[in-house]
Amino acid sequence: MLDEMGVRNLSIFIPDPINFSAAFRVRLIRVWRIADDLNFFSPSWINSTGFVFDSNDGKARRENHVDTNSGTDVAIFVRDGNPIRFPDFPEHLDVPGKIEIMLWKNPGLNA
Protein backbone atom coordinates (compact mmCIF):
# COMPACT_ATOMS: atom_id res chain seq x y z
CA MET A 1 0.00 0.00 0.00
CA LEU A 2 2.87 2.37 0.73
CA ASP A 3 4.18 1.92 -2.79
CA GLU A 4 0.72 2.54 -4.26
CA MET A 5 0.45 5.73 -2.19
CA GLY A 6 3.82 6.99 -3.41
CA VAL A 7 5.53 6.66 -0.02
CA ARG A 8 9.28 6.02 -0.33
CA ASN A 9 10.74 4.82 2.96
CA LEU A 10 14.42 4.72 3.73
CA SER A 11 14.04 3.93 7.40
CA ILE A 12 11.17 2.93 9.61
CA PHE A 13 11.89 3.89 13.20
CA ILE A 14 10.70 1.81 16.11
CA PRO A 15 9.18 4.29 18.60
CA ASP A 16 10.86 4.82 21.93
CA PRO A 17 9.15 3.14 24.90
CA ILE A 18 8.06 6.41 26.49
CA ASN A 19 4.81 7.49 28.11
CA PHE A 20 1.91 7.93 25.69
CA SER A 21 3.69 6.15 22.82
CA ALA A 22 1.58 2.97 22.94
CA ALA A 23 -0.50 3.99 19.93
CA PHE A 24 2.67 3.91 17.82
CA ARG A 25 4.32 0.77 19.16
CA VAL A 26 4.15 -2.89 18.16
CA ARG A 27 6.03 -5.94 19.40
CA LEU A 28 9.41 -6.50 17.81
CA ILE A 29 8.29 -9.84 16.36
CA ARG A 30 5.58 -8.00 14.42
CA VAL A 31 8.08 -5.36 13.28
CA TRP A 32 10.27 -8.14 11.93
CA ARG A 33 7.32 -9.80 10.16
CA ILE A 34 6.58 -6.49 8.46
CA ALA A 35 10.26 -6.20 7.47
CA ASP A 36 10.18 -9.74 6.05
CA ASP A 37 7.01 -8.97 4.08
CA LEU A 38 8.62 -5.86 2.62
CA ASN A 39 11.71 -7.86 1.73
CA PHE A 40 9.93 -10.82 0.15
CA PHE A 41 6.89 -9.24 -1.50
CA SER A 42 7.77 -5.70 -2.56
CA PRO A 43 9.82 -3.91 -5.23
CA SER A 44 13.58 -4.04 -4.73
CA TRP A 45 13.90 -0.37 -3.72
CA ILE A 46 11.73 -1.10 -0.67
CA ASN A 47 13.91 -4.07 0.33
CA SER A 48 16.56 -1.67 1.59
CA THR A 49 14.18 -0.07 4.11
CA GLY A 50 15.84 -0.18 7.51
CA PHE A 51 14.00 -0.89 10.76
CA VAL A 52 15.91 0.83 13.55
CA PHE A 53 15.58 2.48 16.94
CA ASP A 54 17.85 4.98 18.62
CA SER A 55 19.77 4.14 21.76
CA ASN A 56 22.50 5.78 23.79
CA ASP A 57 24.95 3.69 21.75
CA GLY A 58 23.50 4.73 18.39
CA LYS A 59 20.98 3.10 16.12
CA ALA A 60 20.18 -0.56 16.77
CA ARG A 61 18.95 -2.89 14.06
CA ARG A 62 17.51 -6.37 13.86
CA GLU A 63 21.00 -7.73 13.21
CA ASN A 64 22.03 -6.45 16.66
CA HIS A 65 19.32 -8.48 18.45
CA VAL A 66 20.74 -11.35 20.49
CA ASP A 67 17.94 -12.41 22.84
CA THR A 68 14.54 -11.56 24.31
CA ASN A 69 13.59 -12.44 27.85
CA SER A 70 10.01 -13.67 27.47
CA GLY A 71 9.38 -13.29 31.20
CA THR A 72 10.23 -9.60 31.31
CA ASP A 73 9.63 -8.70 27.62
CA VAL A 74 13.06 -7.10 27.44
CA ALA A 75 14.95 -7.50 24.18
CA ILE A 76 18.73 -7.45 24.29
CA PHE A 77 20.69 -5.93 21.43
CA VAL A 78 24.48 -5.64 21.24
CA ARG A 79 26.11 -2.79 19.41
CA ASP A 80 29.87 -2.18 19.45
CA GLY A 81 30.13 -4.70 22.28
CA ASN A 82 27.64 -2.81 24.45
CA PRO A 83 24.38 -4.47 25.53
CA ILE A 84 21.25 -2.43 24.87
CA ARG A 85 18.11 -3.34 26.80
CA PHE A 86 14.93 -2.50 24.93
CA PRO A 87 11.52 -2.99 26.59
CA ASP A 88 9.40 -4.82 24.04
CA PHE A 89 5.77 -3.79 23.71
CA PRO A 90 3.51 -5.99 25.90
CA GLU A 91 1.84 -8.73 23.89
CA HIS A 92 -1.62 -8.09 25.35
CA LEU A 93 -1.52 -4.47 24.12
CA ASP A 94 -0.26 -5.25 20.61
CA VAL A 95 -3.55 -5.30 18.73
CA PRO A 96 -3.36 -4.47 15.01
CA GLY A 97 -5.37 -1.43 13.96
CA LYS A 98 -7.97 -1.44 11.24
CA ILE A 99 -6.41 -0.36 7.95
CA GLU A 100 -9.52 1.52 6.85
CA ILE A 101 -9.25 3.70 9.96
CA MET A 102 -5.48 4.14 9.82
CA LEU A 103 -5.58 5.27 6.19
CA TRP A 104 -8.64 7.47 6.66
CA LYS A 105 -8.48 10.71 4.74
CA ASN A 106 -10.63 13.79 5.00
CA PRO A 107 -11.22 14.94 1.41
CA GLY A 108 -11.71 18.50 2.68
CA LEU A 109 -8.20 18.72 4.12
CA ASN A 110 -5.12 19.27 1.99
CA ALA A 111 -1.79 18.44 3.52
C-alpha atoms as a PDB file:
ATOM      1  CA  MET A   1       0.000   0.000   0.000  1.00  0.00           C
ATOM      2  CA  LEU A   2       2.867   2.375   0.728  1.00  0.00           C
ATOM      3  CA  ASP A   3       4.175   1.919  -2.786  1.00  0.00           C
ATOM      4  CA  GLU A   4       0.722   2.541  -4.264  1.00  0.00           C
ATOM      5  CA  MET A   5       0.446   5.734  -2.190  1.00  0.00           C
ATOM      6  CA  GLY A   6       3.820   6.992  -3.409  1.00  0.00           C
ATOM      7  CA  VAL A   7       5.529   6.660  -0.018  1.00  0.00           C
ATOM      8  CA  ARG A   8       9.276   6.024  -0.327  1.00  0.00           C
ATOM      9  CA  ASN A   9      10.738   4.818   2.961  1.00  0.00           C
ATOM     10  CA  LEU A  10      14.422   4.720   3.732  1.00  0.00           C
ATOM     11  CA  SER A  11      14.039   3.934   7.405  1.00  0.00           C
ATOM     12  CA  ILE A  12      11.171   2.933   9.608  1.00  0.00           C
ATOM     13  CA  PHE A  13      11.887   3.891  13.196  1.00  0.00           C
ATOM     14  CA  ILE A  14      10.696   1.815  16.108  1.00  0.00           C
ATOM     15  CA  PRO A  15       9.182   4.291  18.598  1.00  0.00           C
ATOM     16  CA  ASP A  16      10.865   4.823  21.929  1.00  0.00           C
ATOM     17  CA  PRO A  17       9.154   3.144  24.900  1.00  0.00           C
ATOM     18  CA  ILE A  18       8.058   6.413  26.488  1.00  0.00           C
ATOM     19  CA  ASN A  19       4.811   7.492  28.113  1.00  0.00           C
ATOM     20  CA  PHE A  20       1.914   7.930  25.689  1.00  0.00           C
ATOM     21  CA  SER A  21       3.689   6.150  22.816  1.00  0.00           C
ATOM     22  CA  ALA A  22       1.579   2.972  22.944  1.00  0.00           C
ATOM     23  CA  ALA A  23      -0.505   3.992  19.934  1.00  0.00           C
ATOM     24  CA  PHE A  24       2.665   3.912  17.821  1.00  0.00           C
ATOM     25  CA  ARG A  25       4.320   0.773  19.163  1.00  0.00           C
ATOM     26  CA  VAL A  26       4.153  -2.888  18.159  1.00  0.00           C
ATOM     27  CA  ARG A  27       6.030  -5.944  19.401  1.00  0.00           C
ATOM     28  CA  LEU A  28       9.411  -6.505  17.805  1.00  0.00           C
ATOM     29  CA  ILE A  29       8.291  -9.841  16.360  1.00  0.00           C
ATOM     30  CA  ARG A  30       5.582  -8.003  14.417  1.00  0.00           C
ATOM     31  CA  VAL A  31       8.080  -5.359  13.280  1.00  0.00           C
ATOM     32  CA  TRP A  32      10.271  -8.143  11.932  1.00  0.00           C
ATOM     33  CA  ARG A  33       7.317  -9.803  10.160  1.00  0.00           C
ATOM     34  CA  ILE A  34       6.583  -6.486   8.460  1.00  0.00           C
ATOM     35  CA  ALA A  35      10.259  -6.201   7.465  1.00  0.00           C
ATOM     36  CA  ASP A  36      10.176  -9.739   6.048  1.00  0.00           C
ATOM     37  CA  ASP A  37       7.005  -8.970   4.077  1.00  0.00           C
ATOM     38  CA  LEU A  38       8.620  -5.858   2.618  1.00  0.00           C
ATOM     39  CA  ASN A  39      11.709  -7.862   1.732  1.00  0.00           C
ATOM     40  CA  PHE A  40       9.928 -10.818   0.153  1.00  0.00           C
ATOM     41  CA  PHE A  41       6.886  -9.241  -1.504  1.00  0.00           C
ATOM     42  CA  SER A  42       7.773  -5.701  -2.556  1.00  0.00           C
ATOM     43  CA  PRO A  43       9.818  -3.910  -5.227  1.00  0.00           C
ATOM     44  CA  SER A  44      13.584  -4.037  -4.730  1.00  0.00           C
ATOM     45  CA  TRP A  45      13.904  -0.371  -3.717  1.00  0.00           C
ATOM     46  CA  ILE A  46      11.727  -1.097  -0.666  1.00  0.00           C
ATOM     47  CA  ASN A  47      13.911  -4.065   0.332  1.00  0.00           C
ATOM     48  CA  SER A  48      16.559  -1.666   1.585  1.00  0.00           C
ATOM     49  CA  THR A  49      14.181  -0.072   4.110  1.00  0.00           C
ATOM     50  CA  GLY A  50      15.844  -0.181   7.509  1.00  0.00           C
ATOM     51  CA  PHE A  51      13.995  -0.888  10.756  1.00  0.00           C
ATOM     52  CA  VAL A  52      15.910   0.834  13.545  1.00  0.00           C
ATOM     53  CA  PHE A  53      15.584   2.475  16.940  1.00  0.00           C
ATOM     54  CA  ASP A  54      17.852   4.982  18.620  1.00  0.00           C
ATOM     55  CA  SER A  55      19.767   4.136  21.757  1.00  0.00           C
ATOM     56  CA  ASN A  56      22.504   5.779  23.792  1.00  0.00           C
ATOM     57  CA  ASP A  57      24.948   3.685  21.750  1.00  0.00           C
ATOM     58  CA  GLY A  58      23.499   4.731  18.393  1.00  0.00           C
ATOM     59  CA  LYS A  59      20.975   3.101  16.125  1.00  0.00           C
ATOM     60  CA  ALA A  60      20.176  -0.556  16.771  1.00  0.00           C
ATOM     61  CA  ARG A  61      18.945  -2.890  14.062  1.00  0.00           C
ATOM     62  CA  ARG A  62      17.506  -6.370  13.861  1.00  0.00           C
ATOM     63  CA  GLU A  63      20.998  -7.727  13.209  1.00  0.00           C
ATOM     64  CA  ASN A  64      22.028  -6.446  16.664  1.00  0.00           C
ATOM     65  CA  HIS A  65      19.316  -8.482  18.454  1.00  0.00           C
ATOM     66  CA  VAL A  66      20.736 -11.354  20.490  1.00  0.00           C
ATOM     67  CA  ASP A  67      17.938 -12.410  22.836  1.00  0.00           C
ATOM     68  CA  THR A  68      14.543 -11.562  24.311  1.00  0.00           C
ATOM     69  CA  ASN A  69      13.586 -12.441  27.851  1.00  0.00           C
ATOM     70  CA  SER A  70      10.008 -13.669  27.473  1.00  0.00           C
ATOM     71  CA  GLY A  71       9.379 -13.292  31.204  1.00  0.00           C
ATOM     72  CA  THR A  72      10.232  -9.603  31.307  1.00  0.00           C
ATOM     73  CA  ASP A  73       9.633  -8.703  27.625  1.00  0.00           C
ATOM     74  CA  VAL A  74      13.064  -7.100  27.444  1.00  0.00           C
ATOM     75  CA  ALA A  75      14.945  -7.500  24.183  1.00  0.00           C
ATOM     76  CA  ILE A  76      18.728  -7.447  24.288  1.00  0.00           C
ATOM     77  CA  PHE A  77      20.693  -5.933  21.434  1.00  0.00           C
ATOM     78  CA  VAL A  78      24.478  -5.636  21.241  1.00  0.00           C
ATOM     79  CA  ARG A  79      26.114  -2.785  19.405  1.00  0.00           C
ATOM     80  CA  ASP A  80      29.875  -2.178  19.446  1.00  0.00           C
ATOM     81  CA  GLY A  81      30.128  -4.697  22.277  1.00  0.00           C
ATOM     82  CA  ASN A  82      27.642  -2.806  24.446  1.00  0.00           C
ATOM     83  CA  PRO A  83      24.380  -4.468  25.531  1.00  0.00           C
ATOM     84  CA  ILE A  84      21.251  -2.427  24.872  1.00  0.00           C
ATOM     85  CA  ARG A  85      18.107  -3.339  26.799  1.00  0.00           C
ATOM     86  CA  PHE A  86      14.926  -2.497  24.927  1.00  0.00           C
ATOM     87  CA  PRO A  87      11.521  -2.991  26.586  1.00  0.00           C
ATOM     88  CA  ASP A  88       9.402  -4.816  24.043  1.00  0.00           C
ATOM     89  CA  PHE A  89       5.768  -3.788  23.711  1.00  0.00           C
ATOM     90  CA  PRO A  90       3.511  -5.986  25.900  1.00  0.00           C
ATOM     91  CA  GLU A  91       1.845  -8.726  23.890  1.00  0.00           C
ATOM     92  CA  HIS A  92      -1.624  -8.088  25.347  1.00  0.00           C
ATOM     93  CA  LEU A  93      -1.515  -4.465  24.121  1.00  0.00           C
ATOM     94  CA  ASP A  94      -0.257  -5.252  20.614  1.00  0.00           C
ATOM     95  CA  VAL A  95      -3.550  -5.296  18.733  1.00  0.00           C
ATOM     96  CA  PRO A  96      -3.357  -4.467  15.014  1.00  0.00           C
ATOM     97  CA  GLY A  97      -5.370  -1.427  13.958  1.00  0.00           C
ATOM     98  CA  LYS A  98      -7.974  -1.436  11.236  1.00  0.00           C
ATOM     99  CA  ILE A  99      -6.409  -0.365   7.947  1.00  0.00           C
ATOM    100  CA  GLU A 100      -9.521   1.524   6.849  1.00  0.00           C
ATOM    101  CA  ILE A 101      -9.253   3.700   9.956  1.00  0.00           C
ATOM    102  CA  MET A 102      -5.481   4.144   9.819  1.00  0.00           C
ATOM    103  CA  LEU A 103      -5.576   5.270   6.187  1.00  0.00           C
ATOM    104  CA  TRP A 104      -8.638   7.467   6.660  1.00  0.00           C
ATOM    105  CA  LYS A 105      -8.483  10.708   4.739  1.00  0.00           C
ATOM    106  CA  ASN A 106     -10.626  13.788   5.004  1.00  0.00           C
ATOM    107  CA  PRO A 107     -11.216  14.935   1.411  1.00  0.00           C
ATOM    108  CA  GLY A 108     -11.711  18.501   2.678  1.00  0.00           C
ATOM    109  CA  LEU A 109      -8.199  18.723   4.119  1.00  0.00           C
ATOM    110  CA  ASN A 110      -5.121  19.274   1.988  1.00  0.00           C
ATOM    111  CA  ALA A 111      -1.789  18.439   3.524  1.00  0.00           C
END
